[in-house]
Protein backbone atom coordinates (compact mmCIF):
# COMPACT_ATOMS: atom_id res chain seq x y z
CA MET A 1 30.89 1.84 3.89
CA GLN A 2 33.68 0.74 2.08
CA SER A 3 34.92 -1.73 4.60
CA GLU A 4 31.35 -3.00 5.04
CA PHE A 5 31.37 -3.89 1.41
CA SER A 6 34.30 -5.61 1.07
CA LYS A 7 33.55 -7.65 4.09
CA ILE A 8 30.32 -8.63 2.35
CA ARG A 9 32.23 -9.42 -0.61
CA GLU A 10 34.69 -11.88 1.26
CA ASN A 11 31.71 -13.76 2.70
CA GLN A 12 30.26 -14.25 -0.60
CA PHE A 13 33.52 -15.15 -2.41
CA PRO A 14 35.93 -16.09 0.09
CA GLU A 15 37.38 -19.18 -2.08
CA THR A 16 38.42 -16.65 -5.13
CA LEU A 17 39.73 -14.20 -2.79
CA ILE A 18 41.96 -16.91 -1.07
CA LYS A 19 43.20 -18.21 -4.42
CA ARG A 20 44.24 -14.60 -5.39
CA ASN A 21 46.01 -14.08 -2.13
CA ILE A 22 47.61 -17.47 -2.69
CA LEU A 23 48.76 -16.29 -5.86
CA ILE A 24 49.80 -12.97 -4.85
CA ILE A 25 51.98 -14.17 -1.76
CA ALA A 26 53.48 -17.00 -4.20
CA LYS A 27 54.56 -14.49 -6.48
CA ARG A 28 56.04 -12.54 -3.80
CA ASN A 29 57.95 -15.56 -2.38
CA PHE A 30 59.14 -17.43 -5.35
CA ILE A 31 60.09 -15.03 -8.01
CA PRO A 32 62.88 -13.60 -5.95
CA LEU A 33 64.08 -17.13 -4.72
CA LEU A 34 63.91 -17.80 -8.44
CA TYR A 35 66.24 -14.61 -9.26
CA GLN A 36 68.54 -16.01 -6.18
CA HIS A 37 69.45 -18.99 -8.14
CA ILE A 38 70.04 -17.16 -11.27
C-alpha cells in the first residue's frame, strides 16, 4: 500500500518531486566538486 500511495503522489505532484530530485542530485554532484577545487 505504501508503494501505491507513493505512485499516486508522484502522479499528483510530478513537478515538485522532479525539482526536489534535481536539488538532491545537484548537491551530491556539485558539493564534492567544490571541495575538490579548494
